[in-house]
Amino acid sequence: MPAVDDDQVLRECRDSIDNIDAALIHLLAERFKITKRVGEHKAKVGFAPADPDREAVQIARLRSLADNAGLDPTFSEKFLRFIVDEVIRHHNQHKA
């Protein structure tokens, strides 16, 4: 049996996964730069840190996108909820 490190298919798959992980990190960083601006603006104009109506629309939209992409919608909702909770935590830091 060949060593795991010598398996070309596994190495290629892992390289692809590493590239995707890097892209995800960069996309999340960009998303948080924008949501930081949103939080600062909300604090400045007196809006609440959370927007449950927007969150519900986003969850429904992303569940549909996930389903169309062959990704478990429940997983996508959990992932989005984790991100939104972190964004709200950041927004709460901007409250006056």
Protein backbone atom coordinates (compact mmCIF):
# COMPACT_ATOMS: atom_id res chain seq x y z
CA MET A 1 0.00 0.00 0.00
CA PRO A 2 1.45 3.42 -0.96
CA ALA A 3 2.05 6.08 1.64
CA VAL A 4 -0.70 8.68 1.98
CA ASP A 5 1.76 11.43 1.04
CA ASP A 6 2.58 9.59 -2.20
CA ASP A 7 -1.04 9.36 -3.39
CA GLN A 8 -1.38 11.78 -6.32
CA VAL A 9 -5.20 11.91 -6.27
CA LEU A 10 -5.28 12.62 -2.55
CA ARG A 11 -2.58 15.28 -2.90
CA GLU A 12 -4.48 17.01 -5.73
CA CYS A 13 -7.74 16.94 -3.77
CA ARG A 14 -6.02 18.32 -0.69
CA ASP A 15 -4.40 21.08 -2.73
CA SER A 16 -7.84 22.04 -4.04
CA ILE A 17 -9.28 22.00 -0.54
CA ASP A 18 -6.43 24.21 0.69
CA ASN A 19 -7.12 26.71 -2.11
CA ILE A 20 -10.84 26.75 -1.34
CA ASP A 21 -10.15 27.23 2.38
CA ALA A 22 -7.89 30.19 1.58
CA ALA A 23 -10.58 31.71 -0.65
CA LEU A 24 -13.18 31.25 2.11
CA ILE A 25 -10.97 33.05 4.62
CA HIS A 26 -10.41 35.95 2.24
CA LEU A 27 -14.14 36.18 1.46
CA LEU A 28 -15.03 36.12 5.16
CA ALA A 29 -12.45 38.83 5.85
CA GLU A 30 -13.97 40.99 3.11
CA ARG A 31 -17.48 40.32 4.41
CA PHE A 32 -16.47 41.38 7.93
CA LYS A 33 -14.86 44.58 6.62
CA ILE A 34 -18.22 45.49 5.08
CA THR A 35 -20.29 44.45 8.09
CA LYS A 36 -17.99 46.55 10.27
CA ARG A 37 -18.97 49.57 8.19
CA VAL A 38 -22.62 48.57 8.59
CA GLY A 39 -22.22 48.35 12.38
CA GLU A 40 -20.50 51.72 12.58
CA HIS A 41 -23.23 53.29 10.45
CA LYS A 42 -26.02 51.69 12.47
CA ALA A 43 -24.49 53.03 15.69
CA LYS A 44 -24.06 56.49 14.17
CA VAL A 45 -27.67 56.80 13.03
CA GLY A 46 -29.20 54.94 15.96
CA PHE A 47 -30.31 51.69 14.31
CA ALA A 48 -30.46 48.48 16.32
CA PRO A 49 -27.43 46.17 15.95
CA ALA A 50 -29.62 43.26 14.82
CA ASP A 51 -32.23 43.18 12.08
CA PRO A 52 -34.30 40.00 12.55
CA ASP A 53 -36.39 40.63 9.43
CA ARG A 54 -33.29 40.93 7.23
CA GLU A 55 -31.77 37.86 8.89
CA ALA A 56 -34.90 35.80 8.16
CA VAL A 57 -34.85 36.85 4.49
CA GLN A 58 -31.14 36.05 4.23
CA ILE A 59 -31.55 32.65 5.85
CA ALA A 60 -34.37 31.74 3.48
CA ARG A 61 -32.36 33.00 0.48
CA LEU A 62 -29.22 31.11 1.46
CA ARG A 63 -31.14 27.92 2.27
CA SER A 64 -32.55 28.07 -1.25
CA LEU A 65 -29.11 28.74 -2.76
CA ALA A 66 -27.66 25.86 -0.76
CA ASP A 67 -30.40 23.51 -1.87
CA ASN A 68 -29.85 24.48 -5.52
CA ALA A 69 -26.11 23.95 -5.10
CA GLY A 70 -26.51 20.50 -3.56
CA LEU A 71 -25.45 21.69 -0.09
CA ASP A 72 -27.43 20.78 3.01
CA PRO A 73 -29.67 23.81 3.72
CA THR A 74 -29.60 23.10 7.44
CA PHE A 75 -25.82 23.24 7.44
CA SER A 76 -25.87 26.49 5.45
CA GLU A 77 -28.32 28.00 7.94
CA LYS A 78 -26.12 27.01 10.88
CA PHE A 79 -23.09 28.47 9.11
CA LEU A 80 -24.90 31.73 8.35
CA ARG A 81 -26.27 31.94 11.89
CA PHE A 82 -22.73 31.61 13.25
CA ILE A 83 -21.56 34.44 11.00
CA VAL A 84 -24.56 36.66 11.75
CA ASP A 85 -24.16 36.14 15.50
CA GLU A 86 -20.53 37.23 15.22
CA VAL A 87 -21.51 40.29 13.17
CA ILE A 88 -24.12 41.26 15.77
CA ARG A 89 -21.54 40.83 18.51
CA HIS A 90 -19.31 43.27 16.62
CA HIS A 91 -22.23 45.66 16.06
CA ASN A 92 -22.98 45.64 19.78
CA GLN A 93 -19.44 46.88 20.40
CA HIS A 94 -20.31 50.05 18.43
CA LYS A 95 -23.41 50.90 20.45
CA ALA A 96 -23.19 54.20 22.24
